Amino acid sequence: MKYYIIGERELVLAFKMIGVSGTFAETRQEVLDAFNRVIGKGGISNVPTGEIPRVLILTEHAASQIEDEQIAWQKTGNFPLIVEIPGLNGHIEGKRSLLDAIREAIGVQV
């Protein structure tokens, strides 16, 4: 399965050490440009020819900068699936975690 990460420099480098490609992005425009390249929207892709990743990992900080675009993409049901992970500074206060989403979806404490 192909993975790709967009986020803070240190996390992108850490994921590259285990073989996951990625893009370092700080500003909203950098995150949006990287996101559009990965999903193949708006021009040249920076992923290998036609190999759109199956899972796109976004740090919470990066994801918070492109929430509208992320939600619109998730509604299409296409790959890549998007997974958010905490950034270097930990979980963003007030942001719903994956565990919270599971609890809400199934109505059971995990």
C-alpha atoms as a PDB file:
ATOM      1  CA  MET A   1       0.000   0.000   0.000  1.00  0.00           C
ATOM      2  CA  LYS A   2       1.314   3.444  -0.919  1.00  0.00           C
ATOM      3  CA  TYR A   3       1.437   6.163   1.725  1.00  0.00           C
ATOM      4  CA  TYR A   4       2.271   9.865   1.500  1.00  0.00           C
ATOM      5  CA  ILE A   5       2.677  12.475   4.247  1.00  0.00           C
ATOM      6  CA  ILE A   6       2.237  16.252   4.301  1.00  0.00           C
ATOM      7  CA  GLY A   7       3.276  18.127   7.410  1.00  0.00           C
ATOM      8  CA  GLU A   8       6.095  19.446   9.541  1.00  0.00           C
ATOM      9  CA  ARG A   9       9.657  18.930   8.358  1.00  0.00           C
ATOM     10  CA  GLU A  10      10.705  16.612  11.205  1.00  0.00           C
ATOM     11  CA  LEU A  11       7.729  14.278  10.760  1.00  0.00           C
ATOM     12  CA  VAL A  12       8.161  14.156   6.994  1.00  0.00           C
ATOM     13  CA  LEU A  13      11.850  13.261   7.477  1.00  0.00           C
ATOM     14  CA  ALA A  14      10.967  10.599  10.054  1.00  0.00           C
ATOM     15  CA  PHE A  15       8.460   9.000   7.696  1.00  0.00           C
ATOM     16  CA  LYS A  16      10.982   9.143   4.842  1.00  0.00           C
ATOM     17  CA  MET A  17      13.347   7.086   7.012  1.00  0.00           C
ATOM     18  CA  ILE A  18      10.819   4.241   6.915  1.00  0.00           C
ATOM     19  CA  GLY A  19      10.173   4.605   3.197  1.00  0.00           C
ATOM     20  CA  VAL A  20       7.149   6.931   3.096  1.00  0.00           C
ATOM     21  CA  SER A  21       7.386   9.818   0.648  1.00  0.00           C
ATOM     22  CA  GLY A  22       6.205  13.238   1.707  1.00  0.00           C
ATOM     23  CA  THR A  23       6.205  16.983   1.400  1.00  0.00           C
ATOM     24  CA  PHE A  24       7.194  19.506   4.033  1.00  0.00           C
ATOM     25  CA  ALA A  25       4.602  22.294   4.191  1.00  0.00           C
ATOM     26  CA  GLU A  26       4.102  25.121   6.695  1.00  0.00           C
ATOM     27  CA  THR A  27       1.761  27.666   5.142  1.00  0.00           C
ATOM     28  CA  ARG A  28      -1.784  27.129   3.906  1.00  0.00           C
ATOM     29  CA  GLN A  29      -0.669  27.636   0.305  1.00  0.00           C
ATOM     30  CA  GLU A  30       2.161  25.096   0.627  1.00  0.00           C
ATOM     31  CA  VAL A  31      -0.198  22.536   2.183  1.00  0.00           C
ATOM     32  CA  LEU A  32      -2.855  23.173  -0.470  1.00  0.00           C
ATOM     33  CA  ASP A  33      -0.350  22.914  -3.324  1.00  0.00           C
ATOM     34  CA  ALA A  34       1.048  19.633  -1.966  1.00  0.00           C
ATOM     35  CA  PHE A  35      -2.457  18.264  -1.380  1.00  0.00           C
ATOM     36  CA  ASN A  36      -3.552  19.134  -4.932  1.00  0.00           C
ATOM     37  CA  ARG A  37      -0.405  17.556  -6.409  1.00  0.00           C
ATOM     38  CA  VAL A  38      -0.985  14.324  -4.489  1.00  0.00           C
ATOM     39  CA  ILE A  39      -4.618  13.990  -5.518  1.00  0.00           C
ATOM     40  CA  GLY A  40      -3.715  14.900  -9.118  1.00  0.00           C
ATOM     41  CA  LYS A  41      -5.718  18.123  -9.174  1.00  0.00           C
ATOM     42  CA  GLY A  42      -4.482  21.262 -10.837  1.00  0.00           C
ATOM     43  CA  GLY A  43      -1.484  20.215 -12.844  1.00  0.00           C
ATOM     44  CA  ILE A  44       1.650  18.160 -12.474  1.00  0.00           C
ATOM     45  CA  SER A  45       1.702  15.539  -9.759  1.00  0.00           C
ATOM     46  CA  ASN A  46       4.802  15.043  -7.629  1.00  0.00           C
ATOM     47  CA  VAL A  47       3.983  11.405  -7.069  1.00  0.00           C
ATOM     48  CA  PRO A  48       5.360   8.775  -9.475  1.00  0.00           C
ATOM     49  CA  THR A  49       3.510   8.384 -12.755  1.00  0.00           C
ATOM     50  CA  GLY A  50      -0.089   7.546 -12.007  1.00  0.00           C
ATOM     51  CA  GLU A  51       0.655   6.075  -8.586  1.00  0.00           C
ATOM     52  CA  ILE A  52      -1.697   8.050  -6.394  1.00  0.00           C
ATOM     53  CA  PRO A  53      -1.125   6.937  -2.816  1.00  0.00           C
ATOM     54  CA  ARG A  54      -3.847   4.913  -1.139  1.00  0.00           C
ATOM     55  CA  VAL A  55      -3.387   6.746   2.186  1.00  0.00           C
ATOM     56  CA  LEU A  56      -2.514  10.404   2.629  1.00  0.00           C
ATOM     57  CA  ILE A  57      -1.230  11.243   6.094  1.00  0.00           C
ATOM     58  CA  LEU A  58      -1.765  14.852   7.165  1.00  0.00           C
ATOM     59  CA  THR A  59      -0.544  16.310  10.405  1.00  0.00           C
ATOM     60  CA  GLU A  60      -3.351  17.986  12.342  1.00  0.00           C
ATOM     61  CA  HIS A  61      -1.727  21.366  11.739  1.00  0.00           C
ATOM     62  CA  ALA A  62      -1.638  20.811   7.976  1.00  0.00           C
ATOM     63  CA  ALA A  63      -5.164  19.406   7.921  1.00  0.00           C
ATOM     64  CA  SER A  64      -6.543  22.369   9.850  1.00  0.00           C
ATOM     65  CA  GLN A  65      -5.279  24.690   7.106  1.00  0.00           C
ATOM     66  CA  ILE A  66      -7.196  22.944   4.318  1.00  0.00           C
ATOM     67  CA  GLU A  67     -10.298  21.653   6.119  1.00  0.00           C
ATOM     68  CA  ASP A  68     -12.763  22.622   3.373  1.00  0.00           C
ATOM     69  CA  GLU A  69     -10.690  21.034   0.613  1.00  0.00           C
ATOM     70  CA  GLN A  70     -10.094  17.926   2.722  1.00  0.00           C
ATOM     71  CA  ILE A  71     -13.802  17.442   3.425  1.00  0.00           C
ATOM     72  CA  ALA A  72     -14.680  17.993  -0.241  1.00  0.00           C
ATOM     73  CA  TRP A  73     -12.108  15.346  -1.248  1.00  0.00           C
ATOM     74  CA  GLN A  74     -13.335  12.844   1.354  1.00  0.00           C
ATOM     75  CA  LYS A  75     -16.893  13.209   0.036  1.00  0.00           C
ATOM     76  CA  THR A  76     -15.767  12.032  -3.401  1.00  0.00           C
ATOM     77  CA  GLY A  77     -14.866   8.610  -1.996  1.00  0.00           C
ATOM     78  CA  ASN A  78     -11.700   8.454  -4.089  1.00  0.00           C
ATOM     79  CA  PHE A  79      -8.191   7.467  -3.082  1.00  0.00           C
ATOM     80  CA  PRO A  80      -6.183   8.547  -1.227  1.00  0.00           C
ATOM     81  CA  LEU A  81      -7.926   8.093   2.061  1.00  0.00           C
ATOM     82  CA  ILE A  82      -6.926  10.817   4.507  1.00  0.00           C
ATOM     83  CA  VAL A  83      -5.622  10.107   7.986  1.00  0.00           C
ATOM     84  CA  GLU A  84      -4.712  12.851  10.447  1.00  0.00           C
ATOM     85  CA  ILE A  85      -1.960  12.412  13.002  1.00  0.00           C
ATOM     86  CA  PRO A  86      -0.875  14.710  15.829  1.00  0.00           C
ATOM     87  CA  GLY A  87       2.001  17.021  14.986  1.00  0.00           C
ATOM     88  CA  LEU A  88       5.212  17.636  16.874  1.00  0.00           C
ATOM     89  CA  ASN A  89       3.393  19.653  19.527  1.00  0.00           C
ATOM     90  CA  GLY A  90       0.882  16.909  20.215  1.00  0.00           C
ATOM     91  CA  HIS A  91      -2.859  16.777  19.688  1.00  0.00           C
ATOM     92  CA  ILE A  92      -4.555  20.103  18.878  1.00  0.00           C
ATOM     93  CA  GLU A  93      -6.930  20.986  21.703  1.00  0.00           C
ATOM     94  CA  GLY A  94     -10.576  20.749  20.655  1.00  0.00           C
ATOM     95  CA  LYS A  95      -9.854  18.708  17.528  1.00  0.00           C
ATOM     96  CA  ARG A  96     -11.753  15.445  17.291  1.00  0.00           C
ATOM     97  CA  SER A  97      -9.453  12.432  17.340  1.00  0.00           C
ATOM     98  CA  LEU A  98      -9.841   9.201  15.392  1.00  0.00           C
ATOM     99  CA  LEU A  99     -10.858   7.462  18.610  1.00  0.00           C
ATOM    100  CA  ASP A 100     -13.565  10.085  19.190  1.00  0.00           C
ATOM    101  CA  ALA A 101     -14.884   9.527  15.668  1.00  0.00           C
ATOM    102  CA  ILE A 102     -15.032   5.759  16.228  1.00  0.00           C
ATOM    103  CA  ARG A 103     -16.858   6.224  19.512  1.00  0.00           C
ATOM    104  CA  GLU A 104     -19.365   8.517  17.827  1.00  0.00           C
ATOM    105  CA  ALA A 105     -19.870   6.164  14.874  1.00  0.00           C
ATOM    106  CA  ILE A 106     -20.438   2.954  16.821  1.00  0.00           C
ATOM    107  CA  GLY A 107     -21.705   4.395  20.089  1.00  0.00           C
ATOM    108  CA  VAL A 108     -19.391   2.232  22.172  1.00  0.00           C
ATOM    109  CA  GLN A 109     -16.449   3.215  24.383  1.00  0.00           C
ATOM    110  CA  VAL A 110     -13.288   1.611  23.028  1.00  0.00           C
END
